[in-house]
Amino acid sequence: MSNSIEIRTEKLSKNFGNIHALVNLDLEVQRGSTFGFLGPNGAGKTTTVRILSGLLRPTSGTATVCSYDVNTQRDQIKAVTGLLPEAPGLYSKLSAVEFLEFVGALNNLSGETLHTRIDQLMSLMGLESRQNDLLESFSSGMKQKVLVASTLIHEPQLVFLDEPTSRLDPAASALVKELILVMAKEIETTFFICTHMTDFAEDVCDIIGILNEGVLTTLGSPEDIVQKIGANDLEEAYLKIVGGEVDKSKLLSWRD
């Protein structure tokens, strides 16, 4: 793994009126690493991804992604990154192949190169027999597989994944996990992964950042975080950090 910095932020902040969605984020992500971004709903994870992927301007602070500035070079960032948002849209009247052709064209891919990649990705996802069917006939898990393929089709230098295994069954989740690990190791693709799945993050991510109320409170390897907090695993450590431990004695208190 090279030592170059793929993402660097300094005092990166985003406000929506009086709401401080992201507060003075200082972060570095190395090329070829798998960075896991954890935090409760509303913590600011998706806001961070939108800024870093060039979809949203920060209120203050600076950041570079693949050496491009998030304020002045957003088109360049979009060209070298891939983004799988948490609630992506699909053109349901297109077939899987047609949708991937469309995404490929947006990324300046065409001809034999594009169709070879489509065939390979559809086979990898186990969708080769359905690739000419309309997306409206696909299950939610099958649609998610197509979306993962569309995010990777142009072999981006850096990939933002927001809840990548949502709607996937265990076998498909395992496939995505292995794909991330292989791409990071073999071709130094960098992954920035927002997830609520602590077991997934523990298996896949080199470094974990925990965001709470817009503030990065914890940063380190999964092992270091678990050891520092004195927990048995990352889930227990996460719950201790964000204050989400369950009081089992109160679970049935509503019946009193």
C-alpha atoms as a PDB file:
ATOM      1  CA  MET A   1       0.000   0.000   0.000  1.00  0.00           C
ATOM      2  CA  SER A   2       1.378   3.413  -0.917  1.00  0.00           C
ATOM      3  CA  ASN A   3       1.567   6.194   1.627  1.00  0.00           C
ATOM      4  CA  SER A   4      -0.186   8.870  -0.428  1.00  0.00           C
ATOM      5  CA  ILE A   5      -3.183  10.615   1.112  1.00  0.00           C
ATOM      6  CA  GLU A   6      -6.390  10.102  -0.886  1.00  0.00           C
ATOM      7  CA  ILE A   7      -8.652  12.202   1.365  1.00  0.00           C
ATOM      8  CA  ARG A   8      -7.528  15.088   3.544  1.00  0.00           C
ATOM      9  CA  THR A   9      -9.886  17.398   5.435  1.00  0.00           C
ATOM     10  CA  GLU A  10      -9.067  20.359   7.672  1.00  0.00           C
ATOM     11  CA  LYS A  11     -11.737  21.939   9.894  1.00  0.00           C
ATOM     12  CA  LEU A  12     -14.377  20.773   7.415  1.00  0.00           C
ATOM     13  CA  SER A  13     -17.822  21.933   8.558  1.00  0.00           C
ATOM     14  CA  LYS A  14     -21.363  22.061   7.231  1.00  0.00           C
ATOM     15  CA  ASN A  15     -24.303  23.948   8.711  1.00  0.00           C
ATOM     16  CA  PHE A  16     -27.937  23.823   7.659  1.00  0.00           C
ATOM     17  CA  GLY A  17     -29.284  26.964   9.262  1.00  0.00           C
ATOM     18  CA  ASN A  18     -28.781  26.499  12.993  1.00  0.00           C
ATOM     19  CA  ILE A  19     -28.040  22.793  12.613  1.00  0.00           C
ATOM     20  CA  HIS A  20     -24.341  21.883  12.759  1.00  0.00           C
ATOM     21  CA  ALA A  21     -24.278  18.709  10.646  1.00  0.00           C
ATOM     22  CA  LEU A  22     -20.482  18.468  10.515  1.00  0.00           C
ATOM     23  CA  VAL A  23     -18.081  20.199  12.899  1.00  0.00           C
ATOM     24  CA  ASN A  24     -14.376  20.812  12.202  1.00  0.00           C
ATOM     25  CA  LEU A  25     -13.604  17.412  10.671  1.00  0.00           C
ATOM     26  CA  ASP A  26      -9.863  16.714  10.494  1.00  0.00           C
ATOM     27  CA  LEU A  27      -9.230  13.452   8.685  1.00  0.00           C
ATOM     28  CA  GLU A  28      -6.713  11.683   6.456  1.00  0.00           C
ATOM     29  CA  VAL A  29      -7.449   8.521   4.471  1.00  0.00           C
ATOM     30  CA  GLN A  30      -4.583   6.651   2.823  1.00  0.00           C
ATOM     31  CA  ARG A  31      -4.708   5.329  -0.741  1.00  0.00           C
ATOM     32  CA  GLY A  32      -5.699   1.679  -0.935  1.00  0.00           C
ATOM     33  CA  SER A  33      -7.226   1.683   2.541  1.00  0.00           C
ATOM     34  CA  THR A  34     -10.742   0.785   3.595  1.00  0.00           C
ATOM     35  CA  PHE A  35     -12.094   3.464   5.902  1.00  0.00           C
ATOM     36  CA  GLY A  36     -15.252   2.797   7.883  1.00  0.00           C
ATOM     37  CA  PHE A  37     -17.444   5.717   8.984  1.00  0.00           C
ATOM     38  CA  LEU A  38     -19.792   4.794  11.824  1.00  0.00           C
ATOM     39  CA  GLY A  39     -22.298   6.825  13.763  1.00  0.00           C
ATOM     40  CA  PRO A  40     -25.981   7.095  14.713  1.00  0.00           C
ATOM     41  CA  ASN A  41     -28.626   8.316  12.302  1.00  0.00           C
ATOM     42  CA  GLY A  42     -28.231  12.057  11.871  1.00  0.00           C
ATOM     43  CA  ALA A  43     -24.583  12.046  12.983  1.00  0.00           C
ATOM     44  CA  GLY A  44     -23.394  13.681   9.744  1.00  0.00           C
ATOM     45  CA  LYS A  45     -22.005  10.692   7.834  1.00  0.00           C
ATOM     46  CA  THR A  46     -24.022  11.203   4.654  1.00  0.00           C
ATOM     47  CA  THR A  47     -23.364  14.959   4.748  1.00  0.00           C
ATOM     48  CA  THR A  48     -19.636  14.196   4.842  1.00  0.00           C
ATOM     49  CA  VAL A  49     -19.897  11.844   1.864  1.00  0.00           C
ATOM     50  CA  ARG A  50     -21.887  14.391  -0.123  1.00  0.00           C
ATOM     51  CA  ILE A  51     -19.216  17.027   0.454  1.00  0.00           C
ATOM     52  CA  LEU A  52     -16.304  14.723  -0.335  1.00  0.00           C
ATOM     53  CA  SER A  53     -17.962  13.341  -3.476  1.00  0.00           C
ATOM     54  CA  GLY A  54     -18.602  16.812  -4.852  1.00  0.00           C
ATOM     55  CA  LEU A  55     -22.358  16.941  -4.375  1.00  0.00           C
ATOM     56  CA  LEU A  56     -22.467  19.498  -1.559  1.00  0.00           C
ATOM     57  CA  ARG A  57     -20.390  22.537  -0.710  1.00  0.00           C
ATOM     58  CA  PRO A  58     -18.987  22.839   2.823  1.00  0.00           C
ATOM     59  CA  THR A  59     -19.800  25.842   4.984  1.00  0.00           C
ATOM     60  CA  SER A  60     -16.174  26.211   6.021  1.00  0.00           C
ATOM     61  CA  GLY A  61     -12.897  24.344   6.083  1.00  0.00           C
ATOM     62  CA  THR A  62     -11.001  22.642   3.290  1.00  0.00           C
ATOM     63  CA  ALA A  63     -10.724  19.166   1.802  1.00  0.00           C
ATOM     64  CA  THR A  64      -9.009  17.407  -1.054  1.00  0.00           C
ATOM     65  CA  VAL A  65     -10.115  14.136  -2.632  1.00  0.00           C
ATOM     66  CA  CYS A  66      -7.636  12.406  -4.957  1.00  0.00           C
ATOM     67  CA  SER A  67      -5.683  15.697  -4.831  1.00  0.00           C
ATOM     68  CA  TYR A  68      -8.694  17.714  -6.079  1.00  0.00           C
ATOM     69  CA  ASP A  69     -10.258  20.536  -4.073  1.00  0.00           C
ATOM     70  CA  VAL A  70     -13.873  19.980  -2.982  1.00  0.00           C
ATOM     71  CA  ASN A  71     -14.701  23.643  -3.493  1.00  0.00           C
ATOM     72  CA  THR A  72     -13.178  24.292  -6.912  1.00  0.00           C
ATOM     73  CA  GLN A  73     -12.656  20.902  -8.612  1.00  0.00           C
ATOM     74  CA  ARG A  74     -15.861  19.003  -7.998  1.00  0.00           C
ATOM     75  CA  ASP A  75     -16.188  17.765 -11.598  1.00  0.00           C
ATOM     76  CA  GLN A  76     -12.715  16.233 -11.436  1.00  0.00           C
ATOM     77  CA  ILE A  77     -13.614  14.514  -8.160  1.00  0.00           C
ATOM     78  CA  LYS A  78     -16.752  13.022  -9.700  1.00  0.00           C
ATOM     79  CA  ALA A  79     -14.706  11.682 -12.633  1.00  0.00           C
ATOM     80  CA  VAL A  80     -12.290   9.659 -10.492  1.00  0.00           C
ATOM     81  CA  THR A  81     -14.649   8.483  -7.746  1.00  0.00           C
ATOM     82  CA  GLY A  82     -17.660   6.203  -7.487  1.00  0.00           C
ATOM     83  CA  LEU A  83     -20.645   6.815  -5.221  1.00  0.00           C
ATOM     84  CA  LEU A  84     -23.280   4.398  -3.986  1.00  0.00           C
ATOM     85  CA  PRO A  85     -25.713   6.496  -1.914  1.00  0.00           C
ATOM     86  CA  GLU A  86     -27.942   4.991   0.754  1.00  0.00           C
ATOM     87  CA  ALA A  87     -31.123   5.613  -1.247  1.00  0.00           C
ATOM     88  CA  PRO A  88     -30.058   5.561  -4.913  1.00  0.00           C
ATOM     89  CA  GLY A  89     -32.377   5.866  -7.872  1.00  0.00           C
ATOM     90  CA  LEU A  90     -32.814   3.384 -10.698  1.00  0.00           C
ATOM     91  CA  TYR A  91     -34.441   3.752 -14.093  1.00  0.00           C
ATOM     92  CA  SER A  92     -36.924   0.922 -13.670  1.00  0.00           C
ATOM     93  CA  LYS A  93     -37.920   0.829 -17.343  1.00  0.00           C
ATOM     94  CA  LEU A  94     -34.350  -0.013 -18.375  1.00  0.00           C
ATOM     95  CA  SER A  95     -32.823  -3.468 -18.311  1.00  0.00           C
ATOM     96  CA  ALA A  96     -29.777  -4.074 -16.125  1.00  0.00           C
ATOM     97  CA  VAL A  97     -27.519  -3.952 -19.178  1.00  0.00           C
ATOM     98  CA  GLU A  98     -29.124  -0.753 -20.465  1.00  0.00           C
ATOM     99  CA  PHE A  99     -28.710   0.901 -17.077  1.00  0.00           C
ATOM    100  CA  LEU A 100     -25.028  -0.082 -16.903  1.00  0.00           C
ATOM    101  CA  GLU A 101     -24.513   1.121 -20.494  1.00  0.00           C
ATOM    102  CA  PHE A 102     -26.006   4.464 -19.460  1.00  0.00           C
ATOM    103  CA  VAL A 103     -23.757   4.744 -16.399  1.00  0.00           C
ATOM    104  CA  GLY A 104     -20.755   3.678 -18.479  1.00  0.00           C
ATOM    105  CA  ALA A 105     -21.484   6.372 -21.066  1.00  0.00           C
ATOM    106  CA  LEU A 106     -21.632   8.979 -18.298  1.00  0.00           C
ATOM    107  CA  ASN A 107     -18.107   7.867 -17.391  1.00  0.00           C
ATOM    108  CA  ASN A 108     -16.826   7.927 -20.989  1.00  0.00           C
ATOM    109  CA  LEU A 109     -16.873   4.160 -21.430  1.00  0.00           C
ATOM    110  CA  SER A 110     -18.151   2.521 -24.606  1.00  0.00           C
ATOM    111  CA  GLY A 111     -17.694  -0.350 -27.016  1.00  0.00           C
ATOM    112  CA  GLU A 112     -16.006  -3.607 -26.176  1.00  0.00           C
ATOM    113  CA  THR A 113     -14.397  -2.334 -22.963  1.00  0.00           C
ATOM    114  CA  LEU A 114     -17.759  -1.340 -21.518  1.00  0.00           C
ATOM    115  CA  HIS A 115     -19.595  -4.500 -22.551  1.00  0.00           C
ATOM    116  CA  THR A 116     -16.815  -6.747 -21.294  1.00  0.00           C
ATOM    117  CA  ARG A 117     -17.026  -5.070 -17.897  1.00  0.00           C
ATOM    118  CA  ILE A 118     -20.826  -5.338 -17.880  1.00  0.00           C
ATOM    119  CA  ASP A 119     -20.654  -9.059 -18.671  1.00  0.00           C
ATOM    120  CA  GLN A 120     -18.018  -9.644 -15.995  1.00  0.00           C
ATOM    121  CA  LEU A 121     -19.864  -7.679 -13.312  1.00  0.00           C
ATOM    122  CA  MET A 122     -23.223  -9.297 -14.088  1.00  0.00           C
ATOM    123  CA  SER A 123     -21.601 -12.718 -13.866  1.00  0.00           C
ATOM    124  CA  LEU A 124     -19.854 -11.791 -10.613  1.00  0.00           C
ATOM    125  CA  MET A 125     -23.161 -10.632  -9.133  1.00  0.00           C
ATOM    126  CA  GLY A 126     -24.939 -13.782 -10.303  1.00  0.00           C
ATOM    127  CA  LEU A 127     -27.280 -11.801 -12.553  1.00  0.00           C
ATOM    128  CA  GLU A 128     -26.158 -12.962 -16.009  1.00  0.00           C
ATOM    129  CA  SER A 129     -29.469 -14.750 -16.635  1.00  0.00           C
ATOM    130  CA  ARG A 130     -31.447 -11.625 -15.750  1.00  0.00           C
ATOM    131  CA  GLN A 131     -29.290  -8.907 -17.266  1.00  0.00           C
ATOM    132  CA  ASN A 132     -31.738  -8.178 -20.101  1.00  0.00           C
ATOM    133  CA  ASP A 133     -34.788  -8.035 -17.825  1.00  0.00           C
ATOM    134  CA  LEU A 134     -36.281  -4.711 -16.778  1.00  0.00           C
ATOM    135  CA  LEU A 135     -35.085  -3.445 -13.417  1.00  0.00           C
ATOM    136  CA  GLU A 136     -38.695  -3.031 -12.254  1.00  0.00           C
ATOM    137  CA  SER A 137     -38.893  -6.837 -12.122  1.00  0.00           C
ATOM    138  CA  PHE A 138     -35.862  -7.130  -9.826  1.00  0.00           C
ATOM    139  CA  SER A 139     -36.004  -7.708  -6.080  1.00  0.00           C
ATOM    140  CA  SER A 140     -34.510  -5.035  -3.818  1.00  0.00           C
ATOM    141  CA  GLY A 141     -31.402  -7.175  -3.303  1.00  0.00           C
ATOM    142  CA  MET A 142     -30.922  -7.664  -7.048  1.00  0.00           C
ATOM    143  CA  LYS A 143     -31.286  -3.926  -7.609  1.00  0.00           C
ATOM    144  CA  GLN A 144     -28.627  -3.305  -4.973  1.00  0.00           C
ATOM    145  CA  LYS A 145     -26.273  -5.668  -6.805  1.00  0.00           C
ATOM    146  CA  VAL A 146     -26.801  -3.715 -10.032  1.00  0.00           C
ATOM    147  CA  LEU A 147     -26.104  -0.491  -8.179  1.00  0.00           C
ATOM    148  CA  VAL A 148     -22.869  -1.893  -6.752  1.00  0.00           C
ATOM    149  CA  ALA A 149     -21.863  -2.879 -10.294  1.00  0.00           C
ATOM    150  CA  SER A 150     -22.711   0.600 -11.587  1.00  0.00           C
ATOM    151  CA  THR A 151     -20.539   2.179  -8.885  1.00  0.00           C
ATOM    152  CA  LEU A 152     -17.511   0.081  -9.855  1.00  0.00           C
ATOM    153  CA  ILE A 153     -17.891  -0.097 -13.644  1.00  0.00           C
ATOM    154  CA  HIS A 154     -15.439   2.711 -14.437  1.00  0.00           C
ATOM    155  CA  GLU A 155     -12.853   1.383 -11.962  1.00  0.00           C
ATOM    156  CA  PRO A 156     -12.836   4.505  -9.818  1.00  0.00           C
ATOM    157  CA  GLN A 157      -9.772   5.494  -7.845  1.00  0.00           C
ATOM    158  CA  LEU A 158     -11.893   6.014  -4.732  1.00  0.00           C
ATOM    159  CA  VAL A 159     -15.331   4.598  -3.896  1.00  0.00           C
ATOM    160  CA  PHE A 160     -17.864   6.057  -1.475  1.00  0.00           C
ATOM    161  CA  LEU A 161     -20.296   3.430  -0.189  1.00  0.00           C
ATOM    162  CA  ASP A 162     -23.248   4.453   1.991  1.00  0.00           C
ATOM    163  CA  GLU A 163     -24.739   1.313   3.583  1.00  0.00           C
ATOM    164  CA  PRO A 164     -23.534  -0.947   0.716  1.00  0.00           C
ATOM    165  CA  THR A 165     -24.977  -4.177   2.140  1.00  0.00           C
ATOM    166  CA  SER A 166     -28.467  -2.860   2.840  1.00  0.00           C
ATOM    167  CA  ARG A 167     -31.069  -5.079   1.183  1.00  0.00           C
ATOM    168  CA  LEU A 168     -28.465  -7.773   0.473  1.00  0.00           C
ATOM    169  CA  ASP A 169     -28.722 -11.357   1.699  1.00  0.00           C
ATOM    170  CA  PRO A 170     -25.743 -12.864   3.595  1.00  0.00           C
ATOM    171  CA  ALA A 171     -24.190 -14.437   0.481  1.00  0.00           C
ATOM    172  CA  ALA A 172     -24.355 -11.181  -1.482  1.00  0.00           C
ATOM    173  CA  SER A 173     -22.988  -9.241   1.495  1.00  0.00           C
ATOM    174  CA  ALA A 174     -20.058 -11.647   1.673  1.00  0.00           C
ATOM    175  CA  LEU A 175     -19.439 -11.113  -2.049  1.00  0.00           C
ATOM    176  CA  VAL A 176     -19.357  -7.323  -1.657  1.00  0.00           C
ATOM    177  CA  LYS A 177     -17.040  -7.700   1.329  1.00  0.00           C
ATOM    178  CA  GLU A 178     -14.571  -9.825  -0.639  1.00  0.00           C
ATOM    179  CA  LEU A 179     -14.781  -7.510  -3.653  1.00  0.00           C
ATOM    180  CA  ILE A 180     -13.833  -4.529  -1.484  1.00  0.00           C
ATOM    181  CA  LEU A 181     -10.892  -6.369   0.055  1.00  0.00           C
ATOM    182  CA  VAL A 182      -9.558  -7.588  -3.308  1.00  0.00           C
ATOM    183  CA  MET A 183      -9.874  -4.192  -5.013  1.00  0.00           C
ATOM    184  CA  ALA A 184      -8.152  -2.440  -2.116  1.00  0.00           C
ATOM    185  CA  LYS A 185      -5.294  -4.934  -2.072  1.00  0.00           C
ATOM    186  CA  GLU A 186      -4.766  -5.638  -5.765  1.00  0.00           C
ATOM    187  CA  ILE A 187      -5.419  -2.271  -7.457  1.00  0.00           C
ATOM    188  CA  GLU A 188      -5.231   0.112  -4.481  1.00  0.00           C
ATOM    189  CA  THR A 189      -8.821   1.256  -4.753  1.00  0.00           C
ATOM    190  CA  THR A 190      -9.674   3.358  -1.706  1.00  0.00           C
ATOM    191  CA  PHE A 191     -13.022   2.756   0.008  1.00  0.00           C
ATOM    192  CA  PHE A 192     -14.884   5.200   2.261  1.00  0.00           C
ATOM    193  CA  ILE A 193     -17.716   3.170   3.764  1.00  0.00           C
ATOM    194  CA  CYS A 194     -20.619   4.497   5.832  1.00  0.00           C
ATOM    195  CA  THR A 195     -22.304   1.648   7.640  1.00  0.00           C
ATOM    196  CA  HIS A 196     -24.325   0.718  10.707  1.00  0.00           C
ATOM    197  CA  MET A 197     -23.084  -2.883  10.443  1.00  0.00           C
ATOM    198  CA  THR A 198     -20.283  -3.054  12.984  1.00  0.00           C
ATOM    199  CA  ASP A 199     -19.463  -6.681  12.120  1.00  0.00           C
ATOM    200  CA  PHE A 200     -19.064  -5.701   8.447  1.00  0.00           C
ATOM    201  CA  ALA A 201     -16.827  -2.767   9.410  1.00  0.00           C
ATOM    202  CA  GLU A 202     -14.760  -4.961  11.716  1.00  0.00           C
ATOM    203  CA  ASP A 203     -14.142  -7.496   8.932  1.00  0.00           C
ATOM    204  CA  VAL A 204     -13.446  -5.033   6.113  1.00  0.00           C
ATOM    205  CA  CYS A 205     -12.077  -1.740   7.426  1.00  0.00           C
ATOM    206  CA  ASP A 206      -8.465  -0.887   8.241  1.00  0.00           C
ATOM    207  CA  ILE A 207      -9.449   2.280  10.072  1.00  0.00           C
ATOM    208  CA  ILE A 208     -12.714   3.228  11.764  1.00  0.00           C
ATOM    209  CA  GLY A 209     -13.964   6.742  12.441  1.00  0.00           C
ATOM    210  CA  ILE A 210     -16.958   7.238  14.731  1.00  0.00           C
ATOM    211  CA  LEU A 211     -18.983  10.396  14.193  1.00  0.00           C
ATOM    212  CA  ASN A 212     -21.480  11.635  16.778  1.00  0.00           C
ATOM    213  CA  GLU A 213     -23.503  14.849  16.435  1.00  0.00           C
ATOM    214  CA  GLY A 214     -21.216  16.021  13.652  1.00  0.00           C
ATOM    215  CA  VAL A 215     -18.006  15.508  15.646  1.00  0.00           C
ATOM    216  CA  LEU A 216     -15.387  12.836  14.970  1.00  0.00           C
ATOM    217  CA  THR A 217     -14.995  11.363  18.450  1.00  0.00           C
ATOM    218  CA  THR A 218     -12.987   8.209  17.771  1.00  0.00           C
ATOM    219  CA  LEU A 219     -10.403   7.172  15.161  1.00  0.00           C
ATOM    220  CA  GLY A 220      -8.313   4.016  14.946  1.00  0.00           C
ATOM    221  CA  SER A 221      -8.158   0.426  13.801  1.00  0.00           C
ATOM    222  CA  PRO A 222     -11.036  -1.812  14.921  1.00  0.00           C
ATOM    223  CA  GLU A 223      -8.664  -3.689  17.198  1.00  0.00           C
ATOM    224  CA  ASP A 224      -7.309  -0.522  18.793  1.00  0.00           C
ATOM    225  CA  ILE A 225     -10.792   0.888  19.413  1.00  0.00           C
ATOM    226  CA  VAL A 226     -12.047  -2.338  20.985  1.00  0.00           C
ATOM    227  CA  GLN A 227      -8.964  -2.540  23.214  1.00  0.00           C
ATOM    228  CA  LYS A 228      -9.046   1.143  24.204  1.00  0.00           C
ATOM    229  CA  ILE A 229     -12.725   1.029  25.171  1.00  0.00           C
ATOM    230  CA  GLY A 230     -12.339  -2.293  26.976  1.00  0.00           C
ATOM    231  CA  ALA A 231     -14.985  -4.046  24.897  1.00  0.00           C
ATOM    232  CA  ASN A 232     -15.373  -7.554  23.532  1.00  0.00           C
ATOM    233  CA  ASP A 233     -15.996  -6.454  19.943  1.00  0.00           C
ATOM    234  CA  LEU A 234     -16.578  -3.366  17.815  1.00  0.00           C
ATOM    235  CA  GLU A 235     -20.346  -3.378  18.375  1.00  0.00           C
ATOM    236  CA  GLU A 236     -19.926  -3.199  22.138  1.00  0.00           C
ATOM    237  CA  ALA A 237     -17.265  -0.500  21.801  1.00  0.00           C
ATOM    238  CA  TYR A 238     -19.471   1.507  19.444  1.00  0.00           C
ATOM    239  CA  LEU A 239     -22.446   1.380  21.820  1.00  0.00           C
ATOM    240  CA  LYS A 240     -20.279   2.533  24.708  1.00  0.00           C
ATOM    241  CA  ILE A 241     -18.930   5.439  22.656  1.00  0.00           C
ATOM    242  CA  VAL A 242     -22.251   6.728  21.302  1.00  0.00           C
ATOM    243  CA  GLY A 243     -24.264   5.907  24.429  1.00  0.00           C
ATOM    244  CA  GLY A 244     -26.519   3.309  22.918  1.00  0.00           C
ATOM    245  CA  GLU A 245     -26.173   0.442  25.371  1.00  0.00           C
ATOM    246  CA  VAL A 246     -29.466  -1.338  25.995  1.00  0.00           C
ATOM    247  CA  ASP A 247     -30.931  -1.516  29.494  1.00  0.00           C
ATOM    248  CA  LYS A 248     -32.549  -4.952  29.260  1.00  0.00           C
ATOM    249  CA  SER A 249     -34.400  -4.437  32.536  1.00  0.00           C
ATOM    250  CA  LYS A 250     -36.563  -1.772  30.868  1.00  0.00           C
ATOM    251  CA  LEU A 251     -37.464  -3.613  27.655  1.00  0.00           C
ATOM    252  CA  LEU A 252     -40.910  -4.628  28.899  1.00  0.00           C
ATOM    253  CA  SER A 253     -41.554  -1.586  31.075  1.00  0.00           C
ATOM    254  CA  TRP A 254     -44.325  -0.459  28.695  1.00  0.00           C
ATOM    255  CA  ARG A 255     -46.479  -3.327  30.034  1.00  0.00           C
ATOM    256  CA  ASP A 256     -46.576  -1.979  33.601  1.00  0.00           C
END
